Amino acid sequence: MSKEFLKLQKQISLLNNKGNFVSILIYGAMLLDSNKAKDLDIVIVVKKVNAELSNLFNLLEKYKNLDFNIYTYDEITNNLSYYTREFKLEYLSKGLCIYGKNIFYDEFLKVSDYQYKQSILIRSIEHLQIVRQKYFSNLLSEEKKFLFLEKYFLRISKNILLFKGVEDHTSVNNLSPIDIFKKLVNIKMFDYLPELDNIKNSEQYFSLFSLISEALIICKKDFDLGN
């Protein structure tokens, strides 16, 4: 754990004098490369959500791009926390717990293969819809559209490898983009290897999402046949 997070851990402990905090963990890009991370992804699990949590957020306000979720312990253990729960549980189970116990790890152990694949498929289709919405929106600049498309083309590609069982959450994040795409071609999810170096604008990038759409249809058919 970095010095920064150790300091944050101590500060959080001082705030929890009423014992409301159950688990607080950090996940995402901040753990992979804090220098390149654009935001801090944090999950807060408490016994009760109340106004006293404002003290915690006063502590966290130094992180300008704070991306957070707040759940109660009962919501987590009773499957009321989020729709594609099983998919999200995997990467939360690998997060850095800076307070309490990582309860997401134990919850992920309960997930069946059926639940896991279903949640990945649903999440990937949701991401694909988000991509289409953003691309045809007039609210994003050309530069932001390009970066958004680049991010989600890689993210959904990883999801497909997870769905097919070729990689797990840890191994897929250690692969370079080109290695991810090569694996998708090898298992016949992509018809060809995308030449990302030749993509100059968002229109060219958006055309690549036809590969994603076709791959997800194959995944859905596989899922239906297997269940």
C-alpha atoms as a PDB file:
ATOM      1  CA  MET A   1       0.000   0.000   0.000  1.00  0.00           C
ATOM      2  CA  SER A   2       1.359   3.434  -0.941  1.00  0.00           C
ATOM      3  CA  LYS A   3       2.142   6.108   1.655  1.00  0.00           C
ATOM      4  CA  GLU A   4      -0.766   8.136   0.333  1.00  0.00           C
ATOM      5  CA  PHE A   5      -3.252   5.325   0.933  1.00  0.00           C
ATOM      6  CA  LEU A   6      -1.740   4.468   4.323  1.00  0.00           C
ATOM      7  CA  LYS A   7      -2.310   8.061   5.381  1.00  0.00           C
ATOM      8  CA  LEU A   8      -5.863   7.955   4.045  1.00  0.00           C
ATOM      9  CA  GLN A   9      -6.457   4.702   5.925  1.00  0.00           C
ATOM     10  CA  LYS A  10      -5.464   6.295   9.235  1.00  0.00           C
ATOM     11  CA  GLN A  11      -7.640   9.339   8.595  1.00  0.00           C
ATOM     12  CA  ILE A  12     -10.647   7.162   7.810  1.00  0.00           C
ATOM     13  CA  SER A  13     -10.109   5.127  10.989  1.00  0.00           C
ATOM     14  CA  LEU A  14     -10.307   8.311  13.058  1.00  0.00           C
ATOM     15  CA  LEU A  15     -13.635   9.189  11.441  1.00  0.00           C
ATOM     16  CA  ASN A  16     -15.262   5.833  12.143  1.00  0.00           C
ATOM     17  CA  ASN A  17     -15.819   6.397  15.841  1.00  0.00           C
ATOM     18  CA  LYS A  18     -19.440   5.203  15.589  1.00  0.00           C
ATOM     19  CA  GLY A  19     -18.529   2.029  13.734  1.00  0.00           C
ATOM     20  CA  ASN A  20     -20.656   2.715  10.670  1.00  0.00           C
ATOM     21  CA  PHE A  21     -17.972   1.930   8.081  1.00  0.00           C
ATOM     22  CA  VAL A  22     -17.850  -1.742   7.054  1.00  0.00           C
ATOM     23  CA  SER A  23     -15.504  -1.734   4.069  1.00  0.00           C
ATOM     24  CA  ILE A  24     -13.812   0.920   1.951  1.00  0.00           C
ATOM     25  CA  LEU A  25     -11.774  -0.059  -1.058  1.00  0.00           C
ATOM     26  CA  ILE A  26     -10.037   1.464  -4.050  1.00  0.00           C
ATOM     27  CA  TYR A  27      -9.994  -0.157  -7.463  1.00  0.00           C
ATOM     28  CA  GLY A  28      -9.360   0.631 -11.110  1.00  0.00           C
ATOM     29  CA  ALA A  29      -6.616   2.585 -12.854  1.00  0.00           C
ATOM     30  CA  MET A  30      -5.320   4.164  -9.659  1.00  0.00           C
ATOM     31  CA  LEU A  31      -3.980   0.776  -8.572  1.00  0.00           C
ATOM     32  CA  LEU A  32      -2.426  -0.001 -11.952  1.00  0.00           C
ATOM     33  CA  ASP A  33      -0.694   3.327 -12.541  1.00  0.00           C
ATOM     34  CA  SER A  34      -1.437   6.250 -10.236  1.00  0.00           C
ATOM     35  CA  ASN A  35       0.456   8.637 -12.526  1.00  0.00           C
ATOM     36  CA  LYS A  36      -1.829   7.926 -15.484  1.00  0.00           C
ATOM     37  CA  ALA A  37      -5.095   7.521 -13.553  1.00  0.00           C
ATOM     38  CA  LYS A  38      -7.598  10.270 -14.296  1.00  0.00           C
ATOM     39  CA  ASP A  39      -9.801   9.602 -11.285  1.00  0.00           C
ATOM     40  CA  LEU A  40     -10.050   7.730  -8.012  1.00  0.00           C
ATOM     41  CA  ASP A  41     -12.506   4.824  -8.026  1.00  0.00           C
ATOM     42  CA  ILE A  42     -13.693   4.031  -4.521  1.00  0.00           C
ATOM     43  CA  VAL A  43     -16.430   1.875  -3.000  1.00  0.00           C
ATOM     44  CA  ILE A  44     -17.845   2.571   0.435  1.00  0.00           C
ATOM     45  CA  VAL A  45     -19.867  -0.027   2.339  1.00  0.00           C
ATOM     46  CA  VAL A  46     -21.612   1.094   5.512  1.00  0.00           C
ATOM     47  CA  LYS A  47     -24.210  -0.198   7.932  1.00  0.00           C
ATOM     48  CA  LYS A  48     -26.419   2.810   7.224  1.00  0.00           C
ATOM     49  CA  VAL A  49     -26.267   5.618   4.676  1.00  0.00           C
ATOM     50  CA  ASN A  50     -26.712   8.851   6.580  1.00  0.00           C
ATOM     51  CA  ALA A  51     -25.616  12.483   6.561  1.00  0.00           C
ATOM     52  CA  GLU A  52     -22.607  11.699   8.753  1.00  0.00           C
ATOM     53  CA  LEU A  53     -20.882  10.369   5.630  1.00  0.00           C
ATOM     54  CA  SER A  54     -20.308  14.009   4.711  1.00  0.00           C
ATOM     55  CA  ASN A  55     -17.266  13.930   7.009  1.00  0.00           C
ATOM     56  CA  LEU A  56     -15.749  11.180   4.887  1.00  0.00           C
ATOM     57  CA  PHE A  57     -16.339  13.099   1.677  1.00  0.00           C
ATOM     58  CA  ASN A  58     -14.806  16.216   3.171  1.00  0.00           C
ATOM     59  CA  LEU A  59     -11.698  14.067   3.575  1.00  0.00           C
ATOM     60  CA  LEU A  60     -11.910  12.776  -0.003  1.00  0.00           C
ATOM     61  CA  GLU A  61     -12.560  16.155  -1.632  1.00  0.00           C
ATOM     62  CA  LYS A  62      -8.849  16.542  -2.420  1.00  0.00           C
ATOM     63  CA  TYR A  63      -9.388  13.992  -5.194  1.00  0.00           C
ATOM     64  CA  LYS A  64     -10.936  16.200  -7.852  1.00  0.00           C
ATOM     65  CA  ASN A  65     -12.155  13.345 -10.045  1.00  0.00           C
ATOM     66  CA  LEU A  66     -13.723  11.102  -7.435  1.00  0.00           C
ATOM     67  CA  ASP A  67     -15.823   8.239  -8.804  1.00  0.00           C
ATOM     68  CA  PHE A  68     -17.597   6.526  -5.930  1.00  0.00           C
ATOM     69  CA  ASN A  69     -20.397   4.162  -4.993  1.00  0.00           C
ATOM     70  CA  ILE A  70     -22.026   3.832  -1.584  1.00  0.00           C
ATOM     71  CA  TYR A  71     -23.767   0.618  -0.530  1.00  0.00           C
ATOM     72  CA  THR A  72     -25.143  -0.709   2.709  1.00  0.00           C
ATOM     73  CA  TYR A  73     -23.886  -4.058   3.934  1.00  0.00           C
ATOM     74  CA  ASP A  74     -27.408  -5.486   3.646  1.00  0.00           C
ATOM     75  CA  GLU A  75     -27.656  -4.369   0.009  1.00  0.00           C
ATOM     76  CA  ILE A  76     -24.459  -6.220  -0.847  1.00  0.00           C
ATOM     77  CA  THR A  77     -25.353  -9.447   0.940  1.00  0.00           C
ATOM     78  CA  ASN A  78     -28.937  -9.451  -0.380  1.00  0.00           C
ATOM     79  CA  ASN A  79     -28.039  -8.822  -4.053  1.00  0.00           C
ATOM     80  CA  LEU A  80     -29.698  -5.413  -4.150  1.00  0.00           C
ATOM     81  CA  SER A  81     -26.605  -3.407  -4.954  1.00  0.00           C
ATOM     82  CA  TYR A  82     -26.327  -3.327  -8.755  1.00  0.00           C
ATOM     83  CA  TYR A  83     -27.743  -4.975 -11.863  1.00  0.00           C
ATOM     84  CA  THR A  84     -24.666  -6.641 -13.354  1.00  0.00           C
ATOM     85  CA  ARG A  85     -23.513  -7.594  -9.876  1.00  0.00           C
ATOM     86  CA  GLU A  86     -21.501 -10.719 -10.667  1.00  0.00           C
ATOM     87  CA  PHE A  87     -19.345  -8.994 -13.270  1.00  0.00           C
ATOM     88  CA  LYS A  88     -18.599  -6.077 -10.992  1.00  0.00           C
ATOM     89  CA  LEU A  89     -17.885  -8.316  -8.018  1.00  0.00           C
ATOM     90  CA  GLU A  90     -14.837  -9.775  -9.726  1.00  0.00           C
ATOM     91  CA  TYR A  91     -12.867  -6.568 -10.068  1.00  0.00           C
ATOM     92  CA  LEU A  92     -14.065  -5.276  -6.691  1.00  0.00           C
ATOM     93  CA  SER A  93     -12.837  -8.514  -5.115  1.00  0.00           C
ATOM     94  CA  LYS A  94      -9.346  -7.590  -6.358  1.00  0.00           C
ATOM     95  CA  GLY A  95      -9.511  -4.010  -5.081  1.00  0.00           C
ATOM     96  CA  LEU A  96      -7.287  -2.496  -2.410  1.00  0.00           C
ATOM     97  CA  CYS A  97      -9.174  -2.543   0.890  1.00  0.00           C
ATOM     98  CA  ILE A  98      -8.070   0.462   2.920  1.00  0.00           C
ATOM     99  CA  TYR A  99     -10.606  -0.056   5.679  1.00  0.00           C
ATOM    100  CA  GLY A 100     -12.289  -3.159   7.090  1.00  0.00           C
ATOM    101  CA  LYS A 101     -12.552  -6.420   5.138  1.00  0.00           C
ATOM    102  CA  ASN A 102     -13.062  -6.785   1.401  1.00  0.00           C
ATOM    103  CA  ILE A 103     -16.519  -8.370   1.578  1.00  0.00           C
ATOM    104  CA  PHE A 104     -16.726  -8.436  -2.218  1.00  0.00           C
ATOM    105  CA  TYR A 105     -14.166 -11.245  -2.299  1.00  0.00           C
ATOM    106  CA  ASP A 106     -16.418 -13.572  -0.309  1.00  0.00           C
ATOM    107  CA  GLU A 107     -19.456 -12.570  -2.360  1.00  0.00           C
ATOM    108  CA  PHE A 108     -17.657 -13.315  -5.633  1.00  0.00           C
ATOM    109  CA  LEU A 109     -16.869 -16.864  -4.454  1.00  0.00           C
ATOM    110  CA  LYS A 110     -20.634 -17.524  -4.396  1.00  0.00           C
ATOM    111  CA  VAL A 111     -21.114 -16.586  -8.061  1.00  0.00           C
ATOM    112  CA  SER A 112     -21.971 -19.415 -10.474  1.00  0.00           C
ATOM    113  CA  ASP A 113     -20.542 -19.673 -14.004  1.00  0.00           C
ATOM    114  CA  TYR A 114     -24.016 -19.003 -15.391  1.00  0.00           C
ATOM    115  CA  GLN A 115     -24.434 -15.819 -13.341  1.00  0.00           C
ATOM    116  CA  TYR A 116     -20.952 -14.622 -14.254  1.00  0.00           C
ATOM    117  CA  LYS A 117     -21.350 -15.082 -17.999  1.00  0.00           C
ATOM    118  CA  GLN A 118     -24.815 -13.574 -17.992  1.00  0.00           C
ATOM    119  CA  SER A 119     -23.625 -10.472 -16.161  1.00  0.00           C
ATOM    120  CA  ILE A 120     -20.660  -9.972 -18.527  1.00  0.00           C
ATOM    121  CA  LEU A 121     -22.950 -10.280 -21.529  1.00  0.00           C
ATOM    122  CA  ILE A 122     -25.479  -7.807 -20.147  1.00  0.00           C
ATOM    123  CA  ARG A 123     -22.778  -5.325 -19.159  1.00  0.00           C
ATOM    124  CA  SER A 124     -21.088  -5.525 -22.555  1.00  0.00           C
ATOM    125  CA  ILE A 125     -24.355  -4.889 -24.377  1.00  0.00           C
ATOM    126  CA  GLU A 126     -24.996  -1.913 -22.095  1.00  0.00           C
ATOM    127  CA  HIS A 127     -21.526  -0.565 -22.926  1.00  0.00           C
ATOM    128  CA  LEU A 128     -22.179  -0.993 -26.639  1.00  0.00           C
ATOM    129  CA  GLN A 129     -25.356   1.063 -26.341  1.00  0.00           C
ATOM    130  CA  ILE A 130     -23.471   3.772 -24.440  1.00  0.00           C
ATOM    131  CA  VAL A 131     -20.904   3.908 -27.247  1.00  0.00           C
ATOM    132  CA  ARG A 132     -23.611   4.404 -29.855  1.00  0.00           C
ATOM    133  CA  GLN A 133     -25.260   7.125 -27.800  1.00  0.00           C
ATOM    134  CA  LYS A 134     -22.023   9.014 -27.281  1.00  0.00           C
ATOM    135  CA  TYR A 135     -20.933   8.740 -30.896  1.00  0.00           C
ATOM    136  CA  PHE A 136     -24.124  10.248 -32.294  1.00  0.00           C
ATOM    137  CA  SER A 137     -24.352  12.889 -29.575  1.00  0.00           C
ATOM    138  CA  ASN A 138     -23.402  16.494 -30.306  1.00  0.00           C
ATOM    139  CA  LEU A 139     -22.203  17.009 -26.744  1.00  0.00           C
ATOM    140  CA  LEU A 140     -18.712  15.552 -27.193  1.00  0.00           C
ATOM    141  CA  SER A 141     -15.824  17.039 -29.128  1.00  0.00           C
ATOM    142  CA  GLU A 142     -14.062  14.967 -31.790  1.00  0.00           C
ATOM    143  CA  GLU A 143     -11.136  14.411 -29.418  1.00  0.00           C
ATOM    144  CA  LYS A 144     -13.349  13.211 -26.555  1.00  0.00           C
ATOM    145  CA  LYS A 145     -15.309  10.928 -28.861  1.00  0.00           C
ATOM    146  CA  PHE A 146     -12.095   9.358 -30.096  1.00  0.00           C
ATOM    147  CA  LEU A 147     -10.825   8.728 -26.557  1.00  0.00           C
ATOM    148  CA  PHE A 148     -14.196   7.365 -25.479  1.00  0.00           C
ATOM    149  CA  LEU A 149     -14.366   4.944 -28.409  1.00  0.00           C
ATOM    150  CA  GLU A 150     -10.800   3.831 -27.810  1.00  0.00           C
ATOM    151  CA  LYS A 151     -11.533   3.134 -24.143  1.00  0.00           C
ATOM    152  CA  TYR A 152     -14.699   1.129 -24.745  1.00  0.00           C
ATOM    153  CA  PHE A 153     -13.422  -0.841 -27.711  1.00  0.00           C
ATOM    154  CA  LEU A 154     -10.703  -2.174 -25.420  1.00  0.00           C
ATOM    155  CA  ARG A 155     -13.016  -2.617 -22.441  1.00  0.00           C
ATOM    156  CA  ILE A 156     -15.628  -4.669 -24.306  1.00  0.00           C
ATOM    157  CA  SER A 157     -12.886  -6.676 -26.026  1.00  0.00           C
ATOM    158  CA  LYS A 158     -11.603  -7.647 -22.574  1.00  0.00           C
ATOM    159  CA  ASN A 159     -15.142  -8.576 -21.530  1.00  0.00           C
ATOM    160  CA  ILE A 160     -15.428 -10.991 -24.438  1.00  0.00           C
ATOM    161  CA  LEU A 161     -12.214 -12.768 -23.413  1.00  0.00           C
ATOM    162  CA  LEU A 162     -13.589 -13.041 -19.881  1.00  0.00           C
ATOM    163  CA  PHE A 163     -16.881 -14.407 -21.182  1.00  0.00           C
ATOM    164  CA  LYS A 164     -15.101 -17.035 -23.263  1.00  0.00           C
ATOM    165  CA  GLY A 165     -12.960 -18.051 -20.297  1.00  0.00           C
ATOM    166  CA  VAL A 166      -9.734 -17.354 -22.173  1.00  0.00           C
ATOM    167  CA  GLU A 167      -8.501 -14.967 -19.473  1.00  0.00           C
ATOM    168  CA  ASP A 168      -9.427 -13.949 -15.950  1.00  0.00           C
ATOM    169  CA  HIS A 169      -9.712 -10.418 -14.630  1.00  0.00           C
ATOM    170  CA  THR A 170      -6.068 -10.235 -13.559  1.00  0.00           C
ATOM    171  CA  SER A 171      -4.498 -11.770 -16.647  1.00  0.00           C
ATOM    172  CA  VAL A 172      -6.569  -9.805 -19.149  1.00  0.00           C
ATOM    173  CA  ASN A 173      -5.465  -6.530 -17.578  1.00  0.00           C
ATOM    174  CA  ASN A 174      -1.839  -7.552 -18.003  1.00  0.00           C
ATOM    175  CA  LEU A 175      -2.248  -7.989 -21.768  1.00  0.00           C
ATOM    176  CA  SER A 176      -1.399  -5.276 -24.267  1.00  0.00           C
ATOM    177  CA  PRO A 177      -4.251  -4.150 -26.545  1.00  0.00           C
ATOM    178  CA  ILE A 178      -2.699  -5.895 -29.553  1.00  0.00           C
ATOM    179  CA  ASP A 179      -2.415  -9.171 -27.593  1.00  0.00           C
ATOM    180  CA  ILE A 180      -6.073  -8.901 -26.604  1.00  0.00           C
ATOM    181  CA  PHE A 181      -7.142  -8.457 -30.214  1.00  0.00           C
ATOM    182  CA  LYS A 182      -4.888 -11.295 -31.409  1.00  0.00           C
ATOM    183  CA  LYS A 183      -6.526 -13.640 -28.912  1.00  0.00           C
ATOM    184  CA  LEU A 184      -9.975 -12.591 -30.132  1.00  0.00           C
ATOM    185  CA  VAL A 185      -8.956 -13.366 -33.700  1.00  0.00           C
ATOM    186  CA  ASN A 186      -7.538 -16.735 -32.611  1.00  0.00           C
ATOM    187  CA  ILE A 187     -10.804 -17.793 -30.995  1.00  0.00           C
ATOM    188  CA  LYS A 188     -12.730 -16.444 -34.017  1.00  0.00           C
ATOM    189  CA  MET A 189     -14.470 -13.646 -32.157  1.00  0.00           C
ATOM    190  CA  PHE A 190     -12.954 -11.070 -34.544  1.00  0.00           C
ATOM    191  CA  ASP A 191     -12.707 -11.688 -38.292  1.00  0.00           C
ATOM    192  CA  TYR A 192      -9.511  -9.664 -38.596  1.00  0.00           C
ATOM    193  CA  LEU A 193      -6.916  -7.903 -36.492  1.00  0.00           C
ATOM    194  CA  PRO A 194      -7.788  -4.200 -36.056  1.00  0.00           C
ATOM    195  CA  GLU A 195      -5.039  -1.883 -37.317  1.00  0.00           C
ATOM    196  CA  LEU A 196      -5.330   0.735 -34.621  1.00  0.00           C
ATOM    197  CA  ASP A 197      -2.287   2.686 -35.801  1.00  0.00           C
ATOM    198  CA  ASN A 198      -4.134   3.572 -39.001  1.00  0.00           C
ATOM    199  CA  ILE A 199      -7.183   5.007 -37.223  1.00  0.00           C
ATOM    200  CA  LYS A 200      -7.164   8.792 -37.431  1.00  0.00           C
ATOM    201  CA  ASN A 201     -10.665   9.865 -36.391  1.00  0.00           C
ATOM    202  CA  SER A 202     -13.744   8.799 -34.432  1.00  0.00           C
ATOM    203  CA  GLU A 203     -15.620   7.718 -37.560  1.00  0.00           C
ATOM    204  CA  GLN A 204     -12.954   5.137 -38.354  1.00  0.00           C
ATOM    205  CA  TYR A 205     -12.925   3.963 -34.743  1.00  0.00           C
ATOM    206  CA  PHE A 206     -16.701   3.676 -34.609  1.00  0.00           C
ATOM    207  CA  SER A 207     -16.669   1.396 -37.646  1.00  0.00           C
ATOM    208  CA  LEU A 208     -14.650  -1.115 -35.591  1.00  0.00           C
ATOM    209  CA  PHE A 209     -17.581  -1.596 -33.261  1.00  0.00           C
ATOM    210  CA  SER A 210     -19.180  -3.798 -35.904  1.00  0.00           C
ATOM    211  CA  LEU A 211     -16.625  -6.386 -34.703  1.00  0.00           C
ATOM    212  CA  ILE A 212     -17.882  -5.964 -31.152  1.00  0.00           C
ATOM    213  CA  SER A 213     -21.522  -6.272 -32.161  1.00  0.00           C
ATOM    214  CA  GLU A 214     -20.926  -9.461 -34.143  1.00  0.00           C
ATOM    215  CA  ALA A 215     -18.823 -10.984 -31.354  1.00  0.00           C
ATOM    216  CA  LEU A 216     -21.516 -10.294 -28.763  1.00  0.00           C
ATOM    217  CA  ILE A 217     -24.115 -11.999 -30.955  1.00  0.00           C
ATOM    218  CA  ILE A 218     -21.863 -15.077 -31.062  1.00  0.00           C
ATOM    219  CA  CYS A 219     -21.462 -14.911 -27.274  1.00  0.00           C
ATOM    220  CA  LYS A 220     -25.229 -14.708 -26.800  1.00  0.00           C
ATOM    221  CA  LYS A 221     -25.789 -17.735 -29.023  1.00  0.00           C
ATOM    222  CA  ASP A 222     -23.111 -19.662 -27.118  1.00  0.00           C
ATOM    223  CA  PHE A 223     -24.715 -18.670 -23.840  1.00  0.00           C
ATOM    224  CA  ASP A 224     -28.181 -19.812 -24.973  1.00  0.00           C
ATOM    225  CA  LEU A 225     -26.825 -23.137 -26.227  1.00  0.00           C
ATOM    226  CA  GLY A 226     -24.887 -23.757 -23.049  1.00  0.00           C
ATOM    227  CA  ASN A 227     -27.801 -23.025 -20.739  1.00  0.00           C
END
